């Protein structure tokens, strides 16, 4: 059963409303789905407030764990720790930062400040430095192997660095619509395609379970 911590709704650049995103994930066999719409200093509060309400409603009625979160995206790097801290206090159960993917222009230093902040997942971190991978390992920030086109270009690089320095990885869809959702088979293909061995892939699945259990304690 898929655990996916990184998806989007029409509260940012996705196509579904939050309840629809959760419902389809449930119907497709997901165990848990994180709603992590793009935010910055100006919109994180209303986005998170709406996401929390939709997740609470879904969790009362459907047999899937809906996780309210945010993806801090393209903000000045100095703002990342502040947004993360405020969002956590306001009920964000998972905090993702839009890492320095080669597919988009991202403010330099985003990876570095994110792994040194109260962040759960550094999404598609691109050509992340050895120093930042080591910090992620030490601070238990998960590095993302991405199923999304473009962002997935450096999956192999991220996998090699994470294994070298002991950083934990997750596989997420970065879904923007139903067709982006992961099946168990596609989840495995993304992991093995990034270069993970069967043993390492199993460890990544355990990482997802570990983070999910931690999050459930806050819901």
N, C-alpha and C. Protein backbone atom coordinates (compact mmCIF):
# COMPACT_ATOMS: atom_id res chain seq x y z
N UNK A 1 0.84 -1.20 0.00
CA UNK A 1 0.00 0.00 0.00
C UNK A 1 0.87 1.24 0.00
N UNK A 2 0.57 2.16 -0.90
CA UNK A 2 1.42 3.33 -1.12
C UNK A 2 1.26 4.34 0.01
N UNK A 3 2.39 4.87 0.45
CA UNK A 3 2.43 6.02 1.35
C UNK A 3 3.12 7.14 0.58
N UNK A 4 2.41 8.21 0.35
CA UNK A 4 2.89 9.29 -0.52
C UNK A 4 2.75 10.61 0.23
N UNK A 5 3.88 11.22 0.54
CA UNK A 5 3.88 12.42 1.39
C UNK A 5 3.85 13.73 0.60
N UNK A 6 3.84 13.66 -0.72
CA UNK A 6 4.04 14.89 -1.50
C UNK A 6 3.09 14.92 -2.69
N UNK A 7 1.96 15.64 -2.53
CA UNK A 7 0.99 15.81 -3.61
C UNK A 7 0.43 17.23 -3.57
N UNK A 8 -0.27 17.58 -4.66
CA UNK A 8 -0.80 18.94 -4.78
C UNK A 8 -2.27 18.93 -5.16
N UNK A 9 -2.97 19.98 -4.75
CA UNK A 9 -4.39 20.17 -5.06
C UNK A 9 -4.55 21.51 -5.77
N UNK A 10 -5.82 21.90 -6.02
CA UNK A 10 -6.02 23.19 -6.67
C UNK A 10 -5.78 24.37 -5.74
N UNK A 11 -5.38 24.09 -4.51
CA UNK A 11 -4.94 25.19 -3.63
C UNK A 11 -3.59 25.75 -4.07
N UNK A 12 -2.90 25.01 -4.95
CA UNK A 12 -1.73 25.57 -5.62
C UNK A 12 -1.84 25.24 -7.10
N UNK A 13 -1.04 24.30 -7.62
CA UNK A 13 -1.06 24.03 -9.06
C UNK A 13 -1.57 22.65 -9.42
N UNK A 14 -2.32 22.01 -8.50
CA UNK A 14 -2.93 20.74 -8.81
C UNK A 14 -4.30 20.93 -9.45
N UNK A 15 -4.97 19.80 -9.76
CA UNK A 15 -6.25 19.86 -10.47
C UNK A 15 -7.46 19.49 -9.61
N UNK A 16 -7.23 18.86 -8.47
CA UNK A 16 -8.33 18.37 -7.64
C UNK A 16 -8.49 19.22 -6.39
N UNK A 17 -9.71 19.28 -5.86
CA UNK A 17 -9.82 19.88 -4.54
C UNK A 17 -9.27 18.89 -3.50
N UNK A 18 -8.97 19.34 -2.31
CA UNK A 18 -8.33 18.45 -1.34
C UNK A 18 -9.11 17.17 -1.07
N UNK A 19 -10.41 17.26 -0.88
CA UNK A 19 -11.20 16.06 -0.61
C UNK A 19 -11.16 15.08 -1.77
N UNK A 20 -11.23 15.59 -2.99
CA UNK A 20 -11.16 14.71 -4.16
C UNK A 20 -9.80 14.03 -4.23
N UNK A 21 -8.74 14.77 -3.95
CA UNK A 21 -7.39 14.19 -3.97
C UNK A 21 -7.28 13.04 -2.97
N UNK A 22 -7.83 13.25 -1.79
CA UNK A 22 -7.80 12.20 -0.75
C UNK A 22 -8.68 11.02 -1.16
N UNK A 23 -9.86 11.31 -1.67
CA UNK A 23 -10.80 10.24 -2.03
C UNK A 23 -10.22 9.34 -3.11
N UNK A 24 -9.65 9.93 -4.14
CA UNK A 24 -9.07 9.11 -5.21
C UNK A 24 -7.89 8.30 -4.69
N UNK A 25 -7.10 8.88 -3.81
CA UNK A 25 -5.99 8.12 -3.23
C UNK A 25 -6.52 6.90 -2.48
N UNK A 26 -7.56 7.09 -1.71
CA UNK A 26 -8.18 5.97 -0.98
C UNK A 26 -8.68 4.89 -1.95
N UNK A 27 -9.39 5.32 -2.99
CA UNK A 27 -9.94 4.37 -3.95
C UNK A 27 -8.86 3.64 -4.73
N UNK A 28 -7.71 4.27 -4.91
CA UNK A 28 -6.60 3.65 -5.63
C UNK A 28 -5.71 2.79 -4.73
N UNK A 29 -6.10 2.67 -3.46
CA UNK A 29 -5.40 1.77 -2.57
C UNK A 29 -4.29 2.38 -1.75
N UNK A 30 -4.21 3.71 -1.70
CA UNK A 30 -3.19 4.36 -0.87
C UNK A 30 -3.43 4.05 0.61
N UNK A 31 -2.36 3.95 1.34
CA UNK A 31 -2.45 3.86 2.80
C UNK A 31 -2.48 5.26 3.42
N UNK A 32 -1.70 6.17 2.84
CA UNK A 32 -1.64 7.54 3.35
C UNK A 32 -1.27 8.49 2.23
N UNK A 33 -1.80 9.70 2.32
CA UNK A 33 -1.48 10.73 1.34
C UNK A 33 -1.23 12.05 2.05
N UNK A 34 -0.14 12.70 1.70
CA UNK A 34 0.15 14.03 2.23
C UNK A 34 -0.25 15.09 1.22
N UNK A 35 -1.02 16.07 1.66
CA UNK A 35 -1.39 17.21 0.81
C UNK A 35 -0.43 18.35 1.12
N UNK A 36 0.42 18.67 0.16
CA UNK A 36 1.52 19.61 0.41
C UNK A 36 1.56 20.66 -0.70
N UNK A 37 0.61 21.55 -0.67
CA UNK A 37 0.56 22.56 -1.72
C UNK A 37 1.68 23.59 -1.56
N UNK A 38 2.01 24.21 -2.70
CA UNK A 38 3.08 25.20 -2.73
C UNK A 38 2.71 26.43 -1.91
N UNK A 39 3.62 26.83 -1.04
CA UNK A 39 3.36 28.02 -0.23
C UNK A 39 4.60 28.89 -0.13
N UNK A 40 4.35 30.14 0.25
CA UNK A 40 5.42 31.07 0.59
C UNK A 40 4.96 31.87 1.80
N UNK A 41 5.63 32.97 2.08
CA UNK A 41 5.30 33.75 3.26
C UNK A 41 3.88 34.34 3.19
N UNK A 42 3.36 34.51 1.99
CA UNK A 42 2.07 35.17 1.84
C UNK A 42 0.85 34.26 1.90
N UNK A 43 1.00 32.97 1.57
CA UNK A 43 -0.20 32.14 1.46
C UNK A 43 -0.20 30.90 2.33
N UNK A 44 0.84 30.67 3.13
CA UNK A 44 0.90 29.40 3.86
C UNK A 44 -0.25 29.25 4.85
N UNK A 45 -0.69 30.36 5.45
CA UNK A 45 -1.75 30.25 6.47
C UNK A 45 -3.09 29.80 5.89
N UNK A 46 -3.63 30.49 4.87
CA UNK A 46 -4.93 30.03 4.34
C UNK A 46 -4.85 28.66 3.69
N UNK A 47 -3.76 28.36 3.02
CA UNK A 47 -3.62 27.04 2.39
C UNK A 47 -3.61 25.95 3.44
N UNK A 48 -2.81 26.14 4.48
CA UNK A 48 -2.73 25.13 5.53
C UNK A 48 -4.05 24.99 6.27
N UNK A 49 -4.71 26.10 6.54
CA UNK A 49 -6.00 26.05 7.25
C UNK A 49 -7.02 25.21 6.47
N UNK A 50 -7.12 25.44 5.18
CA UNK A 50 -8.06 24.68 4.35
C UNK A 50 -7.66 23.21 4.25
N UNK A 51 -6.38 22.97 4.15
CA UNK A 51 -5.89 21.59 4.04
C UNK A 51 -6.18 20.81 5.31
N UNK A 52 -5.96 21.42 6.45
CA UNK A 52 -6.22 20.76 7.73
C UNK A 52 -7.69 20.37 7.84
N UNK A 53 -8.58 21.28 7.48
CA UNK A 53 -10.02 21.00 7.57
C UNK A 53 -10.41 19.83 6.68
N UNK A 54 -9.90 19.79 5.45
CA UNK A 54 -10.22 18.70 4.53
C UNK A 54 -9.67 17.37 5.03
N UNK A 55 -8.45 17.39 5.56
CA UNK A 55 -7.85 16.16 6.07
C UNK A 55 -8.59 15.64 7.30
N UNK A 56 -8.97 16.54 8.19
CA UNK A 56 -9.72 16.12 9.37
C UNK A 56 -11.04 15.47 8.98
N UNK A 57 -11.72 16.06 8.02
CA UNK A 57 -13.00 15.53 7.55
C UNK A 57 -12.81 14.14 6.93
N UNK A 58 -11.79 14.00 6.09
CA UNK A 58 -11.51 12.72 5.45
C UNK A 58 -11.13 11.66 6.47
N UNK A 59 -10.32 12.02 7.42
CA UNK A 59 -9.88 11.05 8.43
C UNK A 59 -11.02 10.57 9.32
N UNK A 60 -12.05 11.37 9.46
CA UNK A 60 -13.22 10.93 10.24
C UNK A 60 -14.08 9.93 9.47
N UNK A 61 -13.99 9.97 8.13
CA UNK A 61 -14.97 9.23 7.33
C UNK A 61 -14.40 8.17 6.40
N UNK A 62 -13.12 8.25 6.07
CA UNK A 62 -12.57 7.34 5.08
C UNK A 62 -11.38 6.57 5.65
N UNK A 63 -11.17 5.38 5.12
CA UNK A 63 -10.10 4.50 5.61
C UNK A 63 -8.79 4.75 4.88
N UNK A 64 -8.31 5.98 5.02
CA UNK A 64 -7.01 6.38 4.48
C UNK A 64 -6.51 7.49 5.39
N UNK A 65 -5.21 7.56 5.59
CA UNK A 65 -4.65 8.63 6.42
C UNK A 65 -4.33 9.83 5.56
N UNK A 66 -5.05 10.92 5.80
CA UNK A 66 -4.82 12.17 5.07
C UNK A 66 -3.97 13.09 5.94
N UNK A 67 -2.86 13.54 5.40
CA UNK A 67 -1.86 14.28 6.16
C UNK A 67 -1.80 15.73 5.68
N UNK A 68 -2.13 16.69 6.54
CA UNK A 68 -2.04 18.09 6.13
C UNK A 68 -0.61 18.60 6.18
N UNK A 69 -0.18 19.22 5.11
CA UNK A 69 1.18 19.73 5.08
C UNK A 69 1.32 20.88 4.10
N UNK A 70 2.55 21.25 3.85
CA UNK A 70 2.88 22.32 2.91
C UNK A 70 4.17 21.96 2.19
N UNK A 71 4.35 22.58 1.02
CA UNK A 71 5.66 22.55 0.35
C UNK A 71 6.12 23.99 0.19
N UNK A 72 7.10 24.37 0.95
CA UNK A 72 7.67 25.72 0.87
C UNK A 72 8.43 25.81 -0.45
N UNK A 73 8.03 26.78 -1.29
CA UNK A 73 8.49 26.78 -2.68
C UNK A 73 8.99 28.15 -3.13
N UNK A 74 10.21 28.19 -3.64
CA UNK A 74 10.77 29.37 -4.29
C UNK A 74 10.74 30.62 -3.40
N UNK A 75 10.85 30.42 -2.10
CA UNK A 75 10.89 31.58 -1.20
C UNK A 75 12.33 32.03 -1.01
N UNK A 76 12.54 33.27 -0.55
CA UNK A 76 13.88 33.63 -0.11
C UNK A 76 14.37 32.62 0.92
N UNK A 77 15.60 32.19 0.82
CA UNK A 77 16.06 31.12 1.70
C UNK A 77 15.96 31.51 3.17
N UNK A 78 16.11 32.80 3.45
CA UNK A 78 16.03 33.26 4.84
C UNK A 78 14.65 33.03 5.45
N UNK A 79 13.64 32.91 4.61
CA UNK A 79 12.26 32.76 5.10
C UNK A 79 11.90 31.32 5.41
N UNK A 80 12.65 30.37 4.90
CA UNK A 80 12.28 28.96 5.04
C UNK A 80 12.17 28.54 6.51
N UNK A 81 13.16 28.82 7.36
CA UNK A 81 13.02 28.40 8.77
C UNK A 81 11.82 29.03 9.46
N UNK A 82 11.53 30.28 9.13
CA UNK A 82 10.43 30.98 9.79
C UNK A 82 9.09 30.38 9.38
N UNK A 83 8.92 30.14 8.09
CA UNK A 83 7.66 29.56 7.61
C UNK A 83 7.47 28.16 8.19
N UNK A 84 8.54 27.38 8.18
CA UNK A 84 8.46 26.01 8.70
C UNK A 84 8.06 26.01 10.18
N UNK A 85 8.67 26.88 10.95
CA UNK A 85 8.37 26.94 12.39
C UNK A 85 6.92 27.34 12.63
N UNK A 86 6.46 28.37 11.94
CA UNK A 86 5.09 28.85 12.14
C UNK A 86 4.08 27.80 11.66
N UNK A 87 4.36 27.17 10.53
CA UNK A 87 3.44 26.17 10.00
C UNK A 87 3.34 24.96 10.92
N UNK A 88 4.44 24.56 11.48
CA UNK A 88 4.45 23.42 12.41
C UNK A 88 3.55 23.74 13.62
N UNK A 89 3.71 24.92 14.16
CA UNK A 89 2.91 25.32 15.32
C UNK A 89 1.42 25.43 14.96
N UNK A 90 1.14 25.67 13.69
CA UNK A 90 -0.25 25.85 13.25
C UNK A 90 -0.89 24.55 12.77
N UNK A 91 -0.16 23.43 12.87
CA UNK A 91 -0.77 22.14 12.57
C UNK A 91 -0.29 21.42 11.34
N UNK A 92 0.75 21.90 10.69
CA UNK A 92 1.31 21.17 9.55
C UNK A 92 1.95 19.89 10.06
N UNK A 93 1.44 18.75 9.59
CA UNK A 93 1.96 17.47 10.06
C UNK A 93 3.15 16.99 9.25
N UNK A 94 3.31 17.53 8.05
CA UNK A 94 4.50 17.23 7.25
C UNK A 94 4.91 18.51 6.54
N UNK A 95 6.19 18.82 6.63
CA UNK A 95 6.73 20.01 5.98
C UNK A 95 7.75 19.59 4.95
N UNK A 96 7.46 19.97 3.71
CA UNK A 96 8.32 19.68 2.57
C UNK A 96 8.89 21.00 2.07
N UNK A 97 10.11 20.95 1.58
CA UNK A 97 10.67 22.11 0.89
C UNK A 97 11.00 21.71 -0.54
N UNK A 98 10.66 22.58 -1.47
CA UNK A 98 10.95 22.40 -2.89
C UNK A 98 12.45 22.58 -3.09
N UNK A 99 13.16 21.46 -3.25
CA UNK A 99 14.61 21.50 -3.34
C UNK A 99 15.12 22.02 -4.68
N UNK A 100 16.43 22.02 -4.81
CA UNK A 100 17.10 22.65 -5.95
C UNK A 100 17.14 21.72 -7.16
N UNK A 101 15.96 21.35 -7.63
CA UNK A 101 15.82 20.53 -8.82
C UNK A 101 16.47 21.20 -10.03
N UNK A 102 17.06 20.41 -10.94
CA UNK A 102 17.61 21.00 -12.16
C UNK A 102 16.53 21.39 -13.15
N UNK A 103 15.28 21.01 -12.89
CA UNK A 103 14.18 21.27 -13.82
C UNK A 103 13.60 22.67 -13.68
N UNK A 104 13.94 23.38 -12.62
CA UNK A 104 13.39 24.72 -12.39
C UNK A 104 14.45 25.61 -11.77
N UNK A 105 14.21 26.91 -11.83
CA UNK A 105 15.07 27.86 -11.15
C UNK A 105 14.66 27.91 -9.68
N UNK A 106 15.57 27.59 -8.80
CA UNK A 106 15.31 27.59 -7.36
C UNK A 106 16.39 28.44 -6.69
N UNK A 107 16.04 29.28 -5.73
CA UNK A 107 17.04 30.11 -5.09
C UNK A 107 18.20 29.28 -4.54
N UNK A 108 19.44 29.61 -4.91
CA UNK A 108 20.60 28.89 -4.40
C UNK A 108 20.64 28.95 -2.87
N UNK A 109 21.01 27.85 -2.24
CA UNK A 109 21.06 27.79 -0.79
C UNK A 109 19.82 27.19 -0.18
N UNK A 110 18.79 26.92 -1.01
CA UNK A 110 17.56 26.32 -0.50
C UNK A 110 17.82 24.98 0.15
N UNK A 111 18.60 24.12 -0.51
CA UNK A 111 18.91 22.82 0.08
C UNK A 111 19.59 22.97 1.43
N UNK A 112 20.57 23.85 1.48
CA UNK A 112 21.40 23.99 2.69
C UNK A 112 20.58 24.46 3.88
N UNK A 113 19.78 25.50 3.69
CA UNK A 113 19.02 26.02 4.84
C UNK A 113 17.89 25.06 5.22
N UNK A 114 17.38 24.31 4.25
CA UNK A 114 16.28 23.39 4.54
C UNK A 114 16.71 22.25 5.44
N UNK A 115 17.87 21.65 5.15
CA UNK A 115 18.33 20.53 5.97
C UNK A 115 18.76 20.99 7.35
N UNK A 116 18.90 22.29 7.53
CA UNK A 116 19.23 22.84 8.84
C UNK A 116 18.01 23.45 9.54
N UNK A 117 16.81 23.18 9.00
CA UNK A 117 15.57 23.73 9.55
C UNK A 117 14.64 22.61 10.00
N UNK A 118 13.51 22.99 10.58
CA UNK A 118 12.51 22.02 11.04
C UNK A 118 11.68 21.56 9.85
N UNK A 119 12.31 20.74 9.03
CA UNK A 119 11.72 20.26 7.79
C UNK A 119 11.75 18.74 7.80
N UNK A 120 10.70 18.13 7.28
CA UNK A 120 10.65 16.66 7.22
C UNK A 120 11.28 16.10 5.95
N UNK A 121 10.98 16.73 4.81
CA UNK A 121 11.39 16.19 3.52
C UNK A 121 11.96 17.31 2.65
N UNK A 122 13.13 17.05 2.07
CA UNK A 122 13.67 17.92 1.05
C UNK A 122 13.35 17.27 -0.30
N UNK A 123 12.40 17.85 -1.01
CA UNK A 123 11.93 17.26 -2.25
C UNK A 123 12.93 17.50 -3.38
N UNK A 124 13.01 16.52 -4.25
CA UNK A 124 13.85 16.58 -5.47
C UNK A 124 15.03 17.56 -5.30
N UNK A 125 16.02 17.18 -4.49
CA UNK A 125 17.09 18.11 -4.14
C UNK A 125 18.18 18.29 -5.19
N UNK A 126 18.01 17.69 -6.38
CA UNK A 126 18.96 17.92 -7.46
C UNK A 126 20.37 17.48 -7.11
N UNK A 127 21.34 18.30 -7.50
CA UNK A 127 22.74 17.98 -7.24
C UNK A 127 23.14 18.47 -5.85
N UNK A 128 22.52 17.89 -4.86
CA UNK A 128 22.75 18.28 -3.48
C UNK A 128 24.19 18.02 -3.08
N UNK A 129 24.76 18.90 -2.27
CA UNK A 129 26.17 18.79 -1.89
C UNK A 129 26.38 17.68 -0.86
N UNK A 130 27.61 17.20 -0.78
CA UNK A 130 27.95 16.19 0.22
C UNK A 130 27.66 16.72 1.62
N UNK A 131 28.00 17.97 1.86
CA UNK A 131 27.77 18.56 3.18
C UNK A 131 26.30 18.53 3.55
N UNK A 132 25.44 18.89 2.61
CA UNK A 132 24.02 18.94 2.90
C UNK A 132 23.42 17.55 3.06
N UNK A 133 23.93 16.57 2.33
CA UNK A 133 23.46 15.19 2.52
C UNK A 133 23.84 14.70 3.92
N UNK A 134 25.06 15.01 4.34
CA UNK A 134 25.49 14.61 5.68
C UNK A 134 24.65 15.29 6.76
N UNK A 135 24.31 16.55 6.55
CA UNK A 135 23.45 17.25 7.50
C UNK A 135 22.07 16.63 7.53
N UNK A 136 21.53 16.28 6.36
CA UNK A 136 20.23 15.62 6.30
C UNK A 136 20.26 14.31 7.07
N UNK A 137 21.34 13.58 6.94
CA UNK A 137 21.48 12.31 7.67
C UNK A 137 21.50 12.55 9.17
N UNK A 138 22.23 13.55 9.58
CA UNK A 138 22.38 13.84 11.01
C UNK A 138 21.10 14.37 11.62
N UNK A 139 20.36 15.15 10.85
CA UNK A 139 19.15 15.80 11.38
C UNK A 139 17.86 15.05 11.01
N UNK A 140 18.02 13.90 10.38
CA UNK A 140 16.87 13.05 10.01
C UNK A 140 15.89 13.77 9.09
N UNK A 141 16.42 14.50 8.12
CA UNK A 141 15.62 15.08 7.05
C UNK A 141 15.63 14.09 5.89
N UNK A 142 14.46 13.68 5.43
CA UNK A 142 14.38 12.70 4.36
C UNK A 142 14.64 13.36 3.01
N UNK A 143 15.42 12.68 2.17
CA UNK A 143 15.67 13.14 0.81
C UNK A 143 14.73 12.40 -0.14
N UNK A 144 14.16 13.14 -1.07
CA UNK A 144 13.13 12.57 -1.92
C UNK A 144 13.68 12.01 -3.23
N UNK A 145 13.24 10.80 -3.55
CA UNK A 145 13.34 10.24 -4.89
C UNK A 145 12.00 10.54 -5.55
N UNK A 146 12.02 11.30 -6.63
CA UNK A 146 10.79 11.84 -7.19
C UNK A 146 10.30 11.05 -8.40
N UNK A 147 9.01 10.82 -8.46
CA UNK A 147 8.40 10.18 -9.62
C UNK A 147 8.04 11.21 -10.69
N UNK A 148 8.21 12.48 -10.41
CA UNK A 148 7.75 13.50 -11.35
C UNK A 148 8.79 13.79 -12.43
N UNK A 149 8.28 13.89 -13.65
CA UNK A 149 9.15 14.18 -14.80
C UNK A 149 9.92 15.46 -14.56
N UNK A 150 11.17 15.46 -14.96
CA UNK A 150 12.03 16.62 -14.76
C UNK A 150 12.72 16.55 -13.41
N UNK A 151 11.95 16.52 -12.36
CA UNK A 151 12.53 16.42 -11.02
C UNK A 151 13.26 15.08 -10.85
N UNK A 152 12.85 14.08 -11.60
CA UNK A 152 13.44 12.75 -11.46
C UNK A 152 14.81 12.62 -12.14
N UNK A 153 15.25 13.65 -12.84
CA UNK A 153 16.50 13.57 -13.58
C UNK A 153 17.70 13.24 -12.70
N UNK A 154 17.67 13.70 -11.47
CA UNK A 154 18.82 13.49 -10.58
C UNK A 154 18.55 12.44 -9.50
N UNK A 155 17.53 11.60 -9.71
CA UNK A 155 17.25 10.56 -8.71
C UNK A 155 18.45 9.67 -8.44
N UNK A 156 19.16 9.28 -9.50
CA UNK A 156 20.32 8.41 -9.32
C UNK A 156 21.41 9.08 -8.51
N UNK A 157 21.63 10.35 -8.76
CA UNK A 157 22.62 11.12 -8.00
C UNK A 157 22.24 11.19 -6.53
N UNK A 158 20.97 11.52 -6.27
CA UNK A 158 20.50 11.61 -4.88
C UNK A 158 20.63 10.26 -4.19
N UNK A 159 20.27 9.20 -4.87
CA UNK A 159 20.36 7.84 -4.30
C UNK A 159 21.80 7.50 -3.92
N UNK A 160 22.74 7.78 -4.80
CA UNK A 160 24.14 7.47 -4.51
C UNK A 160 24.66 8.25 -3.31
N UNK A 161 24.35 9.54 -3.27
CA UNK A 161 24.82 10.37 -2.15
C UNK A 161 24.17 9.95 -0.84
N UNK A 162 22.89 9.65 -0.88
CA UNK A 162 22.19 9.25 0.34
C UNK A 162 22.76 7.95 0.89
N UNK A 163 23.01 7.00 0.04
CA UNK A 163 23.58 5.73 0.49
C UNK A 163 24.99 5.91 1.01
N UNK A 164 25.76 6.78 0.37
CA UNK A 164 27.15 7.01 0.79
C UNK A 164 27.22 7.60 2.19
N UNK A 165 26.32 8.54 2.49
CA UNK A 165 26.41 9.27 3.75
C UNK A 165 25.34 8.89 4.77
N UNK A 166 24.52 7.92 4.43
CA UNK A 166 23.56 7.41 5.41
C UNK A 166 22.32 8.25 5.58
N UNK A 167 21.97 9.05 4.58
CA UNK A 167 20.74 9.83 4.66
C UNK A 167 19.55 8.95 4.27
N UNK A 168 18.42 9.18 4.89
CA UNK A 168 17.24 8.38 4.59
C UNK A 168 16.47 8.98 3.40
N UNK A 169 15.94 8.07 2.58
CA UNK A 169 15.21 8.47 1.38
C UNK A 169 13.74 8.07 1.46
N UNK A 170 12.92 8.80 0.71
CA UNK A 170 11.51 8.47 0.49
C UNK A 170 11.23 8.55 -1.00
N UNK A 171 10.25 7.81 -1.46
CA UNK A 171 9.77 7.94 -2.84
C UNK A 171 8.39 8.58 -2.80
N UNK A 172 8.23 9.71 -3.49
CA UNK A 172 6.96 10.41 -3.54
C UNK A 172 6.56 10.68 -4.99
N UNK A 173 5.27 10.87 -5.20
CA UNK A 173 4.77 11.10 -6.56
C UNK A 173 4.91 12.54 -7.02
N UNK A 174 4.80 13.51 -6.09
CA UNK A 174 4.65 14.92 -6.46
C UNK A 174 3.45 15.05 -7.40
N UNK A 175 2.38 14.33 -7.08
CA UNK A 175 1.21 14.26 -7.96
C UNK A 175 0.49 15.60 -8.04
N UNK A 176 0.04 15.93 -9.26
CA UNK A 176 -0.79 17.10 -9.49
C UNK A 176 -2.18 16.73 -9.98
N UNK A 177 -2.37 15.48 -10.37
CA UNK A 177 -3.65 14.98 -10.81
C UNK A 177 -3.70 13.47 -10.62
N UNK A 178 -4.86 12.86 -10.87
CA UNK A 178 -5.04 11.44 -10.59
C UNK A 178 -4.03 10.56 -11.31
N UNK A 179 -3.74 10.90 -12.57
CA UNK A 179 -2.84 10.06 -13.36
C UNK A 179 -1.42 10.04 -12.81
N UNK A 180 -1.10 10.97 -11.92
CA UNK A 180 0.23 11.01 -11.32
C UNK A 180 0.36 10.08 -10.11
N UNK A 181 -0.76 9.60 -9.59
CA UNK A 181 -0.70 8.79 -8.37
C UNK A 181 0.07 7.49 -8.63
N UNK A 182 0.68 6.99 -7.59
CA UNK A 182 1.55 5.81 -7.70
C UNK A 182 0.79 4.52 -7.38
N UNK A 183 1.05 3.51 -8.16
CA UNK A 183 0.66 2.15 -7.81
C UNK A 183 1.84 1.50 -7.11
N UNK A 184 1.63 0.36 -6.48
CA UNK A 184 2.75 -0.35 -5.86
C UNK A 184 3.82 -0.67 -6.91
N UNK A 185 3.37 -1.05 -8.10
CA UNK A 185 4.30 -1.40 -9.17
C UNK A 185 5.12 -0.20 -9.62
N UNK A 186 4.46 0.95 -9.79
CA UNK A 186 5.19 2.14 -10.22
C UNK A 186 6.12 2.64 -9.12
N UNK A 187 5.70 2.54 -7.88
CA UNK A 187 6.57 2.91 -6.77
C UNK A 187 7.88 2.13 -6.84
N UNK A 188 7.77 0.84 -7.10
CA UNK A 188 8.95 -0.02 -7.19
C UNK A 188 9.81 0.36 -8.40
N UNK A 189 9.17 0.66 -9.52
CA UNK A 189 9.92 1.04 -10.72
C UNK A 189 10.71 2.32 -10.50
N UNK A 190 10.10 3.27 -9.82
CA UNK A 190 10.79 4.54 -9.55
C UNK A 190 12.02 4.28 -8.68
N UNK A 191 11.85 3.44 -7.65
CA UNK A 191 12.96 3.15 -6.76
C UNK A 191 14.09 2.40 -7.44
N UNK A 192 13.76 1.34 -8.12
CA UNK A 192 14.80 0.55 -8.79
C UNK A 192 15.40 1.33 -9.96
N UNK A 193 14.58 2.15 -10.61
CA UNK A 193 15.09 2.98 -11.70
C UNK A 193 16.08 4.03 -11.23
N UNK A 194 15.98 4.42 -9.98
CA UNK A 194 16.93 5.37 -9.40
C UNK A 194 18.25 4.69 -9.02
N UNK A 195 18.26 3.36 -9.09
CA UNK A 195 19.48 2.63 -8.78
C UNK A 195 19.44 1.89 -7.47
N UNK A 196 18.30 1.92 -6.77
CA UNK A 196 18.21 1.22 -5.50
C UNK A 196 18.24 -0.30 -5.71
N UNK A 197 18.96 -0.98 -4.84
CA UNK A 197 18.89 -2.44 -4.82
C UNK A 197 17.57 -2.85 -4.19
N UNK A 198 17.22 -4.11 -4.30
CA UNK A 198 15.99 -4.58 -3.66
C UNK A 198 16.05 -4.34 -2.15
N UNK A 199 17.22 -4.55 -1.56
CA UNK A 199 17.38 -4.33 -0.12
C UNK A 199 17.21 -2.86 0.23
N UNK A 200 17.81 -1.99 -0.57
CA UNK A 200 17.71 -0.55 -0.30
C UNK A 200 16.28 -0.06 -0.53
N UNK A 201 15.62 -0.62 -1.54
CA UNK A 201 14.23 -0.25 -1.80
C UNK A 201 13.34 -0.62 -0.62
N UNK A 202 13.56 -1.79 -0.05
CA UNK A 202 12.79 -2.20 1.13
C UNK A 202 13.04 -1.25 2.29
N UNK A 203 14.28 -0.78 2.42
CA UNK A 203 14.60 0.17 3.48
C UNK A 203 13.87 1.49 3.28
N UNK A 204 13.73 1.92 2.02
CA UNK A 204 13.00 3.15 1.73
C UNK A 204 11.53 3.02 2.11
N UNK A 205 10.95 1.86 1.83
CA UNK A 205 9.56 1.63 2.23
C UNK A 205 9.42 1.69 3.76
N UNK A 206 10.40 1.16 4.46
CA UNK A 206 10.38 1.23 5.92
C UNK A 206 10.50 2.67 6.40
N UNK A 207 11.27 3.48 5.67
CA UNK A 207 11.37 4.90 6.02
C UNK A 207 10.00 5.58 5.96
N UNK A 208 9.22 5.24 4.93
CA UNK A 208 7.89 5.81 4.80
C UNK A 208 7.00 5.41 5.96
N UNK A 209 7.09 4.16 6.35
CA UNK A 209 6.31 3.69 7.50
C UNK A 209 6.74 4.41 8.78
N UNK A 210 8.03 4.61 8.91
CA UNK A 210 8.57 5.29 10.10
C UNK A 210 8.03 6.71 10.19
N UNK A 211 8.09 7.45 9.08
CA UNK A 211 7.61 8.83 9.10
C UNK A 211 6.10 8.86 9.32
N UNK A 212 5.38 7.94 8.71
CA UNK A 212 3.93 7.90 8.88
C UNK A 212 3.55 7.69 10.34
N UNK A 213 4.22 6.77 11.01
CA UNK A 213 3.92 6.53 12.42
C UNK A 213 4.20 7.76 13.27
N UNK A 214 5.27 8.46 12.95
CA UNK A 214 5.60 9.70 13.68
C UNK A 214 4.51 10.73 13.46
N UNK A 215 4.05 10.85 12.22
CA UNK A 215 3.02 11.84 11.90
C UNK A 215 1.70 11.50 12.57
N UNK A 216 1.34 10.22 12.59
CA UNK A 216 0.05 9.81 13.18
C UNK A 216 -0.05 10.24 14.64
N UNK A 217 1.07 10.34 15.31
CA UNK A 217 1.05 10.76 16.71
C UNK A 217 0.63 12.23 16.86
N UNK A 218 0.72 12.98 15.76
CA UNK A 218 0.37 14.40 15.82
C UNK A 218 -1.02 14.69 15.28
N UNK A 219 -1.64 13.73 14.61
CA UNK A 219 -2.94 13.98 13.99
C UNK A 219 -4.08 13.90 15.00
